[in-house]
Amino acid sequence: MSRQVIVLAYQSSVLIGCLLAPTAGPTLAMLAVAKIPYSKSLRAMTVPVALLIILSLVEVLVGVKLNLR
């Protein structure tokens, strides 16, 4: 597996992790300003995050199949 694919997989996982982490500063700040509870936002983000996970898997699989260098 090439370095590019590994970096792509890492960046995708960090993006998804930051969206879900309850300790992400910007996420909590936006929720606090909008007065939305974290549990409600987590339920609302379920489908988009699932789609991001699927898209990330497809990206990595395509990168592996194309044997990017």
PDB file of N, CA and C in Angstrom:
ATOM      1  N   MET A   1       0.857  -1.173   0.000  1.00  0.00           N
ATOM      2  CA  MET A   1       0.000   0.000   0.000  1.00  0.00           C
ATOM      3  C   MET A   1       0.900   1.233   0.000  1.00  0.00           C
ATOM      4  N   SER A   2       0.535   2.213  -0.786  1.00  0.00           N
ATOM      5  CA  SER A   2       1.377   3.400  -0.909  1.00  0.00           C
ATOM      6  C   SER A   2       1.155   4.371   0.256  1.00  0.00           C
ATOM      7  N   ARG A   3       2.058   5.290   0.374  1.00  0.00           N
ATOM      8  CA  ARG A   3       1.962   6.298   1.437  1.00  0.00           C
ATOM      9  C   ARG A   3       0.750   7.199   1.232  1.00  0.00           C
ATOM     10  N   GLN A   4       0.437   7.480  -0.027  1.00  0.00           N
ATOM     11  CA  GLN A   4      -0.702   8.359  -0.317  1.00  0.00           C
ATOM     12  C   GLN A   4      -2.011   7.764   0.196  1.00  0.00           C
ATOM     13  N   VAL A   5      -2.176   6.465   0.021  1.00  0.00           N
ATOM     14  CA  VAL A   5      -3.403   5.811   0.472  1.00  0.00           C
ATOM     15  C   VAL A   5      -3.462   5.797   1.998  1.00  0.00           C
ATOM     16  N   ILE A   6      -2.336   5.602   2.630  1.00  0.00           N
ATOM     17  CA  ILE A   6      -2.299   5.608   4.096  1.00  0.00           C
ATOM     18  C   ILE A   6      -2.657   6.990   4.627  1.00  0.00           C
ATOM     19  N   VAL A   7      -2.128   8.041   3.996  1.00  0.00           N
ATOM     20  CA  VAL A   7      -2.449   9.406   4.413  1.00  0.00           C
ATOM     21  C   VAL A   7      -3.926   9.693   4.175  1.00  0.00           C
ATOM     22  N   LEU A   8      -4.476   9.236   3.059  1.00  0.00           N
ATOM     23  CA  LEU A   8      -5.898   9.413   2.771  1.00  0.00           C
ATOM     24  C   LEU A   8      -6.760   8.735   3.836  1.00  0.00           C
ATOM     25  N   ALA A   9      -6.409   7.522   4.201  1.00  0.00           N
ATOM     26  CA  ALA A   9      -7.167   6.800   5.224  1.00  0.00           C
ATOM     27  C   ALA A   9      -7.076   7.525   6.569  1.00  0.00           C
ATOM     28  N   TYR A  10      -5.881   8.013   6.908  1.00  0.00           N
ATOM     29  CA  TYR A  10      -5.705   8.727   8.176  1.00  0.00           C
ATOM     30  C   TYR A  10      -6.527  10.015   8.196  1.00  0.00           C
ATOM     31  N   GLN A  11      -6.469  10.790   7.123  1.00  0.00           N
ATOM     32  CA  GLN A  11      -7.208  12.047   7.078  1.00  0.00           C
ATOM     33  C   GLN A  11      -8.712  11.813   7.162  1.00  0.00           C
ATOM     34  N   SER A  12      -9.185  10.788   6.519  1.00  0.00           N
ATOM     35  CA  SER A  12     -10.614  10.478   6.567  1.00  0.00           C
ATOM     36  C   SER A  12     -11.043  10.103   7.982  1.00  0.00           C
ATOM     37  N   SER A  13     -10.228   9.293   8.648  1.00  0.00           N
ATOM     38  CA  SER A  13     -10.587   8.872  10.002  1.00  0.00           C
ATOM     39  C   SER A  13     -10.545  10.042  10.981  1.00  0.00           C
ATOM     40  N   VAL A  14      -9.605  10.946  10.800  1.00  0.00           N
ATOM     41  CA  VAL A  14      -9.524  12.114  11.682  1.00  0.00           C
ATOM     42  C   VAL A  14     -10.736  13.016  11.481  1.00  0.00           C
ATOM     43  N   LEU A  15     -11.149  13.194  10.237  1.00  0.00           N
ATOM     44  CA  LEU A  15     -12.326  14.019   9.956  1.00  0.00           C
ATOM     45  C   LEU A  15     -13.561  13.452  10.636  1.00  0.00           C
ATOM     46  N   ILE A  16     -13.784  12.169  10.481  1.00  0.00           N
ATOM     47  CA  ILE A  16     -14.963  11.541  11.070  1.00  0.00           C
ATOM     48  C   ILE A  16     -14.868  11.553  12.594  1.00  0.00           C
ATOM     49  N   GLY A  17     -13.681  11.318  13.120  1.00  0.00           N
ATOM     50  CA  GLY A  17     -13.502  11.345  14.567  1.00  0.00           C
ATOM     51  C   GLY A  17     -13.772  12.708  15.164  1.00  0.00           C
ATOM     52  N   CYS A  18     -13.357  13.758  14.464  1.00  0.00           N
ATOM     53  CA  CYS A  18     -13.594  15.108  14.969  1.00  0.00           C
ATOM     54  C   CYS A  18     -15.069  15.480  14.940  1.00  0.00           C
ATOM     55  N   LEU A  19     -15.805  14.927  13.991  1.00  0.00           N
ATOM     56  CA  LEU A  19     -17.235  15.212  13.948  1.00  0.00           C
ATOM     57  C   LEU A  19     -17.964  14.571  15.116  1.00  0.00           C
ATOM     58  N   LEU A  20     -17.482  13.426  15.560  1.00  0.00           N
ATOM     59  CA  LEU A  20     -18.182  12.678  16.603  1.00  0.00           C
ATOM     60  C   LEU A  20     -17.653  12.909  18.016  1.00  0.00           C
ATOM     61  N   ALA A  21     -16.434  13.400  18.129  1.00  0.00           N
ATOM     62  CA  ALA A  21     -15.814  13.538  19.445  1.00  0.00           C
ATOM     63  C   ALA A  21     -16.502  14.623  20.272  1.00  0.00           C
ATOM     64  N   PRO A  22     -16.931  14.289  21.481  1.00  0.00           N
ATOM     65  CA  PRO A  22     -17.577  15.305  22.310  1.00  0.00           C
ATOM     66  C   PRO A  22     -16.584  16.315  22.885  1.00  0.00           C
ATOM     67  N   THR A  23     -15.302  16.122  22.640  1.00  0.00           N
ATOM     68  CA  THR A  23     -14.306  17.058  23.151  1.00  0.00           C
ATOM     69  C   THR A  23     -13.763  17.975  22.066  1.00  0.00           C
ATOM     70  N   ALA A  24     -14.307  17.888  20.859  1.00  0.00           N
ATOM     71  CA  ALA A  24     -13.868  18.767  19.772  1.00  0.00           C
ATOM     72  C   ALA A  24     -14.358  20.180  20.065  1.00  0.00           C
ATOM     73  N   GLY A  25     -13.436  21.091  20.248  1.00  0.00           N
ATOM     74  CA  GLY A  25     -13.768  22.463  20.632  1.00  0.00           C
ATOM     75  C   GLY A  25     -14.729  23.175  19.700  1.00  0.00           C
ATOM     76  N   PRO A  26     -14.427  23.229  18.405  1.00  0.00           N
ATOM     77  CA  PRO A  26     -15.336  23.954  17.502  1.00  0.00           C
ATOM     78  C   PRO A  26     -16.738  23.350  17.458  1.00  0.00           C
ATOM     79  N   THR A  27     -16.836  22.037  17.505  1.00  0.00           N
ATOM     80  CA  THR A  27     -18.145  21.391  17.474  1.00  0.00           C
ATOM     81  C   THR A  27     -18.957  21.773  18.702  1.00  0.00           C
ATOM     82  N   LEU A  28     -18.353  21.684  19.868  1.00  0.00           N
ATOM     83  CA  LEU A  28     -19.061  22.025  21.094  1.00  0.00           C
ATOM     84  C   LEU A  28     -19.394  23.511  21.165  1.00  0.00           C
ATOM     85  N   ALA A  29     -18.510  24.354  20.644  1.00  0.00           N
ATOM     86  CA  ALA A  29     -18.773  25.789  20.652  1.00  0.00           C
ATOM     87  C   ALA A  29     -19.985  26.124  19.784  1.00  0.00           C
ATOM     88  N   MET A  30     -20.060  25.517  18.599  1.00  0.00           N
ATOM     89  CA  MET A  30     -21.207  25.772  17.719  1.00  0.00           C
ATOM     90  C   MET A  30     -22.500  25.255  18.336  1.00  0.00           C
ATOM     91  N   LEU A  31     -22.429  24.095  18.979  1.00  0.00           N
ATOM     92  CA  LEU A  31     -23.625  23.554  19.627  1.00  0.00           C
ATOM     93  C   LEU A  31     -24.066  24.439  20.796  1.00  0.00           C
ATOM     94  N   ALA A  32     -23.104  24.965  21.540  1.00  0.00           N
ATOM     95  CA  ALA A  32     -23.442  25.826  22.677  1.00  0.00           C
ATOM     96  C   ALA A  32     -24.076  27.133  22.206  1.00  0.00           C
ATOM     97  N   VAL A  33     -23.539  27.702  21.139  1.00  0.00           N
ATOM     98  CA  VAL A  33     -24.100  28.957  20.620  1.00  0.00           C
ATOM     99  C   VAL A  33     -25.513  28.724  20.094  1.00  0.00           C
ATOM    100  N   ALA A  34     -25.729  27.581  19.446  1.00  0.00           N
ATOM    101  CA  ALA A  34     -27.051  27.270  18.893  1.00  0.00           C
ATOM    102  C   ALA A  34     -28.007  26.688  19.938  1.00  0.00           C
ATOM    103  N   LYS A  35     -27.487  26.430  21.144  1.00  0.00           N
ATOM    104  CA  LYS A  35     -28.276  25.847  22.241  1.00  0.00           C
ATOM    105  C   LYS A  35     -28.903  24.510  21.850  1.00  0.00           C
ATOM    106  N   ILE A  36     -28.066  23.657  21.257  1.00  0.00           N
ATOM    107  CA  ILE A  36     -28.486  22.316  20.849  1.00  0.00           C
ATOM    108  C   ILE A  36     -27.743  21.313  21.729  1.00  0.00           C
ATOM    109  N   PRO A  37     -28.445  20.401  22.370  1.00  0.00           N
ATOM    110  CA  PRO A  37     -27.760  19.389  23.187  1.00  0.00           C
ATOM    111  C   PRO A  37     -26.936  18.445  22.302  1.00  0.00           C
ATOM    112  N   TYR A  38     -25.829  17.985  22.862  1.00  0.00           N
ATOM    113  CA  TYR A  38     -24.935  17.102  22.103  1.00  0.00           C
ATOM    114  C   TYR A  38     -25.654  15.835  21.674  1.00  0.00           C
ATOM    115  N   SER A  39     -26.486  15.273  22.526  1.00  0.00           N
ATOM    116  CA  SER A  39     -27.180  14.026  22.180  1.00  0.00           C
ATOM    117  C   SER A  39     -28.105  14.219  20.976  1.00  0.00           C
ATOM    118  N   LYS A  40     -28.738  15.367  20.894  1.00  0.00           N
ATOM    119  CA  LYS A  40     -29.620  15.637  19.756  1.00  0.00           C
ATOM    120  C   LYS A  40     -28.810  15.793  18.464  1.00  0.00           C
ATOM    121  N   SER A  41     -27.676  16.464  18.546  1.00  0.00           N
ATOM    122  CA  SER A  41     -26.846  16.626  17.355  1.00  0.00           C
ATOM    123  C   SER A  41     -26.241  15.295  16.917  1.00  0.00           C
ATOM    124  N   LEU A  42     -25.918  14.434  17.886  1.00  0.00           N
ATOM    125  CA  LEU A  42     -25.358  13.125  17.558  1.00  0.00           C
ATOM    126  C   LEU A  42     -26.374  12.282  16.796  1.00  0.00           C
ATOM    127  N   ARG A  43     -27.635  12.341  17.217  1.00  0.00           N
ATOM    128  CA  ARG A  43     -28.692  11.611  16.496  1.00  0.00           C
ATOM    129  C   ARG A  43     -28.872  12.177  15.087  1.00  0.00           C
ATOM    130  N   ALA A  44     -28.762  13.483  14.941  1.00  0.00           N
ATOM    131  CA  ALA A  44     -28.937  14.112  13.632  1.00  0.00           C
ATOM    132  C   ALA A  44     -27.766  13.818  12.694  1.00  0.00           C
ATOM    133  N   MET A  45     -26.583  13.571  13.256  1.00  0.00           N
ATOM    134  CA  MET A  45     -25.394  13.329  12.430  1.00  0.00           C
ATOM    135  C   MET A  45     -25.200  11.862  12.064  1.00  0.00           C
ATOM    136  N   THR A  46     -26.065  10.992  12.511  1.00  0.00           N
ATOM    137  CA  THR A  46     -25.877   9.562  12.281  1.00  0.00           C
ATOM    138  C   THR A  46     -25.813   9.218  10.798  1.00  0.00           C
ATOM    139  N   VAL A  47     -26.784   9.653  10.032  1.00  0.00           N
ATOM    140  CA  VAL A  47     -26.823   9.320   8.597  1.00  0.00           C
ATOM    141  C   VAL A  47     -25.683   9.987   7.830  1.00  0.00           C
ATOM    142  N   PRO A  48     -25.427  11.288   7.995  1.00  0.00           N
ATOM    143  CA  PRO A  48     -24.304  11.888   7.267  1.00  0.00           C
ATOM    144  C   PRO A  48     -22.954  11.255   7.609  1.00  0.00           C
ATOM    145  N   VAL A  49     -22.751  10.924   8.873  1.00  0.00           N
ATOM    146  CA  VAL A  49     -21.481  10.297   9.259  1.00  0.00           C
ATOM    147  C   VAL A  49     -21.378   8.895   8.663  1.00  0.00           C
ATOM    148  N   ALA A  50     -22.475   8.171   8.631  1.00  0.00           N
ATOM    149  CA  ALA A  50     -22.458   6.846   8.002  1.00  0.00           C
ATOM    150  C   ALA A  50     -22.106   6.965   6.518  1.00  0.00           C
ATOM    151  N   LEU A  51     -22.660   7.966   5.856  1.00  0.00           N
ATOM    152  CA  LEU A  51     -22.319   8.183   4.451  1.00  0.00           C
ATOM    153  C   LEU A  51     -20.852   8.571   4.275  1.00  0.00           C
ATOM    154  N   LEU A  52     -20.324   9.381   5.185  1.00  0.00           N
ATOM    155  CA  LEU A  52     -18.903   9.735   5.122  1.00  0.00           C
ATOM    156  C   LEU A  52     -18.014   8.517   5.316  1.00  0.00           C
ATOM    157  N   ILE A  53     -18.396   7.631   6.205  1.00  0.00           N
ATOM    158  CA  ILE A  53     -17.619   6.416   6.434  1.00  0.00           C
ATOM    159  C   ILE A  53     -17.609   5.560   5.170  1.00  0.00           C
ATOM    160  N   ILE A  54     -18.771   5.406   4.547  1.00  0.00           N
ATOM    161  CA  ILE A  54     -18.854   4.617   3.317  1.00  0.00           C
ATOM    162  C   ILE A  54     -18.030   5.263   2.211  1.00  0.00           C
ATOM    163  N   LEU A  55     -18.136   6.584   2.061  1.00  0.00           N
ATOM    164  CA  LEU A  55     -17.365   7.293   1.048  1.00  0.00           C
ATOM    165  C   LEU A  55     -15.870   7.147   1.297  1.00  0.00           C
ATOM    166  N   SER A  56     -15.456   7.223   2.545  1.00  0.00           N
ATOM    167  CA  SER A  56     -14.040   7.077   2.884  1.00  0.00           C
ATOM    168  C   SER A  56     -13.540   5.677   2.547  1.00  0.00           C
ATOM    169  N   LEU A  57     -14.360   4.675   2.847  1.00  0.00           N
ATOM    170  CA  LEU A  57     -13.969   3.310   2.508  1.00  0.00           C
ATOM    171  C   LEU A  57     -13.815   3.133   1.000  1.00  0.00           C
ATOM    172  N   VAL A  58     -14.739   3.711   0.250  1.00  0.00           N
ATOM    173  CA  VAL A  58     -14.659   3.617  -1.209  1.00  0.00           C
ATOM    174  C   VAL A  58     -13.400   4.318  -1.719  1.00  0.00           C
ATOM    175  N   GLU A  59     -13.101   5.507  -1.175  1.00  0.00           N
ATOM    176  CA  GLU A  59     -11.887   6.233  -1.581  1.00  0.00           C
ATOM    177  C   GLU A  59     -10.639   5.397  -1.357  1.00  0.00           C
ATOM    178  N   VAL A  60     -10.541   4.805  -0.192  1.00  0.00           N
ATOM    179  CA  VAL A  60      -9.354   4.014   0.136  1.00  0.00           C
ATOM    180  C   VAL A  60      -9.280   2.765  -0.744  1.00  0.00           C
ATOM    181  N   LEU A  61     -10.409   2.100  -0.940  1.00  0.00           N
ATOM    182  CA  LEU A  61     -10.410   0.915  -1.794  1.00  0.00           C
ATOM    183  C   LEU A  61     -10.028   1.247  -3.230  1.00  0.00           C
ATOM    184  N   VAL A  62     -10.509   2.359  -3.747  1.00  0.00           N
ATOM    185  CA  VAL A  62     -10.131   2.783  -5.101  1.00  0.00           C
ATOM    186  C   VAL A  62      -8.634   3.094  -5.150  1.00  0.00           C
ATOM    187  N   GLY A  63      -8.138   3.755  -4.134  1.00  0.00           N
ATOM    188  CA  GLY A  63      -6.698   4.054  -4.074  1.00  0.00           C
ATOM    189  C   GLY A  63      -5.860   2.799  -4.053  1.00  0.00           C
ATOM    190  N   VAL A  64      -6.305   1.787  -3.316  1.00  0.00           N
ATOM    191  CA  VAL A  64      -5.568   0.528  -3.257  1.00  0.00           C
ATOM    192  C   VAL A  64      -5.644  -0.199  -4.607  1.00  0.00           C
ATOM    193  N   LYS A  65      -6.825  -0.234  -5.188  1.00  0.00           N
ATOM    194  CA  LYS A  65      -6.993  -0.918  -6.478  1.00  0.00           C
ATOM    195  C   LYS A  65      -6.207  -0.247  -7.599  1.00  0.00           C
ATOM    196  N   LEU A  66      -6.131   1.072  -7.580  1.00  0.00           N
ATOM    197  CA  LEU A  66      -5.374   1.797  -8.609  1.00  0.00           C
ATOM    198  C   LEU A  66      -3.870   1.739  -8.362  1.00  0.00           C
ATOM    199  N   ASN A  67      -3.500   1.245  -7.175  1.00  0.00           N
ATOM    200  CA  ASN A  67      -2.088   1.132  -6.807  1.00  0.00           C
ATOM    201  C   ASN A  67      -1.374   2.478  -6.949  1.00  0.00           C
ATOM    202  N   LEU A  68      -1.946   3.498  -6.322  1.00  0.00           N
ATOM    203  CA  LEU A  68      -1.369   4.841  -6.390  1.00  0.00           C
ATOM    204  C   LEU A  68       0.043   4.860  -5.819  1.00  0.00           C
ATOM    205  N   ARG A  69       0.899   5.595  -6.445  1.00  0.00           N
ATOM    206  CA  ARG A  69       2.289   5.740  -5.987  1.00  0.00           C
ATOM    207  C   ARG A  69       2.605   7.182  -5.729  1.00  0.00           C
TER     208      ARG A  69
END
